[in-house]
């Protein structure tokens, strides 16, 4: 999924409001917004059971152009989930699959 120009502008605006414009690893100031949403899964114990995550954390990803350091920013905290078409916090990211009886 690539972002629309309007979404890119909104993401950059929110990142500028909430973050520093420098890589925490190498202090480079050239950061790149990657074109998509990263979904990080949170699993419940036992940790060896990886069938499906209990919760998904949607994030935009910024990469340092010098060292490749990745930073993940939660779309809910940035206040951009609705504009990116992401379900509100606490809601399923996709509808639950329906099981047919019988």
C-alpha atoms as a PDB file:
ATOM      1  CA  UNK A   1       0.000   0.000   0.000  1.00  0.00           C
ATOM      2  CA  UNK A   2       1.454   3.311  -1.036  1.00  0.00           C
ATOM      3  CA  UNK A   3       0.347   6.459   0.723  1.00  0.00           C
ATOM      4  CA  UNK A   4      -1.500   9.210  -1.128  1.00  0.00           C
ATOM      5  CA  UNK A   5       0.226  12.619  -1.293  1.00  0.00           C
ATOM      6  CA  UNK A   6      -2.284  13.907   1.282  1.00  0.00           C
ATOM      7  CA  UNK A   7      -1.500  11.020   3.645  1.00  0.00           C
ATOM      8  CA  UNK A   8       2.257  11.605   3.262  1.00  0.00           C
ATOM      9  CA  UNK A   9       1.792  15.292   4.121  1.00  0.00           C
ATOM     10  CA  UNK A  10      -0.266  14.413   7.201  1.00  0.00           C
ATOM     11  CA  UNK A  11       2.210  11.754   8.388  1.00  0.00           C
ATOM     12  CA  UNK A  12       5.164  14.124   7.980  1.00  0.00           C
ATOM     13  CA  UNK A  13       3.289  16.922   9.759  1.00  0.00           C
ATOM     14  CA  UNK A  14       2.479  14.675  12.745  1.00  0.00           C
ATOM     15  CA  UNK A  15       6.024  13.278  12.892  1.00  0.00           C
ATOM     16  CA  UNK A  16       7.466  16.816  12.865  1.00  0.00           C
ATOM     17  CA  UNK A  17       5.134  17.760  15.740  1.00  0.00           C
ATOM     18  CA  UNK A  18       6.061  14.764  17.890  1.00  0.00           C
ATOM     19  CA  UNK A  19       9.641  13.733  17.046  1.00  0.00           C
ATOM     20  CA  UNK A  20      13.167  14.989  16.546  1.00  0.00           C
ATOM     21  CA  UNK A  21      14.411  15.093  12.966  1.00  0.00           C
ATOM     22  CA  UNK A  22      17.602  13.144  13.611  1.00  0.00           C
ATOM     23  CA  UNK A  23      18.568   9.473  13.604  1.00  0.00           C
ATOM     24  CA  UNK A  24      19.114   8.224  17.172  1.00  0.00           C
ATOM     25  CA  UNK A  25      21.777   5.832  15.899  1.00  0.00           C
ATOM     26  CA  UNK A  26      24.067   7.949  13.686  1.00  0.00           C
ATOM     27  CA  UNK A  27      22.713  11.530  14.056  1.00  0.00           C
ATOM     28  CA  UNK A  28      21.992  11.797  10.324  1.00  0.00           C
ATOM     29  CA  UNK A  29      19.161  14.177   9.433  1.00  0.00           C
ATOM     30  CA  UNK A  30      18.063  12.467   6.181  1.00  0.00           C
ATOM     31  CA  UNK A  31      15.113  10.252   7.123  1.00  0.00           C
ATOM     32  CA  UNK A  32      12.830   8.412   4.686  1.00  0.00           C
ATOM     33  CA  UNK A  33       9.166   7.508   5.173  1.00  0.00           C
ATOM     34  CA  UNK A  34       8.614   3.926   3.978  1.00  0.00           C
ATOM     35  CA  UNK A  35       5.495   3.473   1.799  1.00  0.00           C
ATOM     36  CA  UNK A  36       3.218   1.271   3.901  1.00  0.00           C
ATOM     37  CA  UNK A  37       1.911   0.244   7.291  1.00  0.00           C
ATOM     38  CA  UNK A  38       3.834  -2.157   9.530  1.00  0.00           C
ATOM     39  CA  UNK A  39       1.667  -4.411  11.697  1.00  0.00           C
ATOM     40  CA  UNK A  40       3.438  -5.715  14.777  1.00  0.00           C
ATOM     41  CA  UNK A  41       1.707  -8.610  16.501  1.00  0.00           C
ATOM     42  CA  UNK A  42       1.450  -8.997  20.267  1.00  0.00           C
ATOM     43  CA  UNK A  43       1.202 -12.604  21.354  1.00  0.00           C
ATOM     44  CA  UNK A  44      -0.163 -14.000  24.608  1.00  0.00           C
ATOM     45  CA  UNK A  45       1.733 -16.643  26.605  1.00  0.00           C
ATOM     46  CA  UNK A  46       2.763 -19.308  25.920  1.00  0.00           C
ATOM     47  CA  UNK A  47       5.165 -17.441  23.659  1.00  0.00           C
ATOM     48  CA  UNK A  48       5.864 -20.587  21.634  1.00  0.00           C
ATOM     49  CA  UNK A  49       2.323 -20.479  20.211  1.00  0.00           C
ATOM     50  CA  UNK A  50       2.533 -18.228  17.145  1.00  0.00           C
ATOM     51  CA  UNK A  51      -0.751 -19.147  15.459  1.00  0.00           C
ATOM     52  CA  UNK A  52      -2.091 -15.581  15.407  1.00  0.00           C
ATOM     53  CA  UNK A  53      -1.422 -12.376  17.305  1.00  0.00           C
ATOM     54  CA  UNK A  54      -3.914 -11.237  19.929  1.00  0.00           C
ATOM     55  CA  UNK A  55      -3.386  -7.567  19.043  1.00  0.00           C
ATOM     56  CA  UNK A  56      -1.870  -5.758  16.088  1.00  0.00           C
ATOM     57  CA  UNK A  57      -0.063  -2.437  16.414  1.00  0.00           C
ATOM     58  CA  UNK A  58      -0.247  -0.402  13.187  1.00  0.00           C
ATOM     59  CA  UNK A  59       2.788   1.799  12.627  1.00  0.00           C
ATOM     60  CA  UNK A  60       4.360   4.033  10.015  1.00  0.00           C
ATOM     61  CA  UNK A  61       8.053   3.331   9.501  1.00  0.00           C
ATOM     62  CA  UNK A  62      10.842   5.869   9.083  1.00  0.00           C
ATOM     63  CA  UNK A  63      14.293   4.763   7.913  1.00  0.00           C
ATOM     64  CA  UNK A  64      17.617   6.563   8.213  1.00  0.00           C
ATOM     65  CA  UNK A  65      19.107   7.074   4.740  1.00  0.00           C
ATOM     66  CA  UNK A  66      22.649   6.640   6.096  1.00  0.00           C
ATOM     67  CA  UNK A  67      22.613   3.650   8.456  1.00  0.00           C
ATOM     68  CA  UNK A  68      19.202   2.086   7.781  1.00  0.00           C
ATOM     69  CA  UNK A  69      18.001   2.436  11.373  1.00  0.00           C
ATOM     70  CA  UNK A  70      14.220   1.876  11.486  1.00  0.00           C
ATOM     71  CA  UNK A  71      11.780   3.738  13.707  1.00  0.00           C
ATOM     72  CA  UNK A  72       8.168   2.598  14.129  1.00  0.00           C
ATOM     73  CA  UNK A  73       5.510   5.154  15.074  1.00  0.00           C
ATOM     74  CA  UNK A  74       2.090   4.008  16.266  1.00  0.00           C
ATOM     75  CA  UNK A  75      -0.624   5.447  14.007  1.00  0.00           C
ATOM     76  CA  UNK A  76      -3.061   5.781  16.925  1.00  0.00           C
ATOM     77  CA  UNK A  77      -0.624   7.861  18.980  1.00  0.00           C
ATOM     78  CA  UNK A  78       0.111  10.025  15.931  1.00  0.00           C
ATOM     79  CA  UNK A  79      -3.653  10.492  15.481  1.00  0.00           C
ATOM     80  CA  UNK A  80      -3.635   9.439  11.815  1.00  0.00           C
ATOM     81  CA  UNK A  81      -5.322   6.017  11.858  1.00  0.00           C
ATOM     82  CA  UNK A  82      -8.645   7.162  10.425  1.00  0.00           C
ATOM     83  CA  UNK A  83      -6.960   9.050   7.566  1.00  0.00           C
ATOM     84  CA  UNK A  84      -4.949   5.910   6.722  1.00  0.00           C
ATOM     85  CA  UNK A  85      -8.020   3.657   6.761  1.00  0.00           C
ATOM     86  CA  UNK A  86      -6.966   1.812   9.916  1.00  0.00           C
ATOM     87  CA  UNK A  87      -9.494   0.612  12.484  1.00  0.00           C
ATOM     88  CA  UNK A  88      -9.678   2.574  15.720  1.00  0.00           C
ATOM     89  CA  UNK A  89      -7.620   1.311  18.656  1.00  0.00           C
ATOM     90  CA  UNK A  90      -9.256  -1.704  20.263  1.00  0.00           C
ATOM     91  CA  UNK A  91     -11.156  -2.626  17.087  1.00  0.00           C
ATOM     92  CA  UNK A  92     -10.232  -5.553  14.818  1.00  0.00           C
ATOM     93  CA  UNK A  93      -7.919  -4.592  11.967  1.00  0.00           C
ATOM     94  CA  UNK A  94      -9.871  -6.955   9.713  1.00  0.00           C
ATOM     95  CA  UNK A  95     -13.272  -8.567  10.231  1.00  0.00           C
ATOM     96  CA  UNK A  96     -13.204 -11.904  12.063  1.00  0.00           C
ATOM     97  CA  UNK A  97     -13.557 -14.891   9.758  1.00  0.00           C
ATOM     98  CA  UNK A  98     -16.976 -16.485   9.847  1.00  0.00           C
ATOM     99  CA  UNK A  99     -17.106 -20.189  10.578  1.00  0.00           C
ATOM    100  CA  UNK A 100     -19.906 -22.208   9.057  1.00  0.00           C
ATOM    101  CA  UNK A 101     -21.543 -24.846  11.243  1.00  0.00           C
ATOM    102  CA  UNK A 102     -21.795 -28.370  10.052  1.00  0.00           C
END
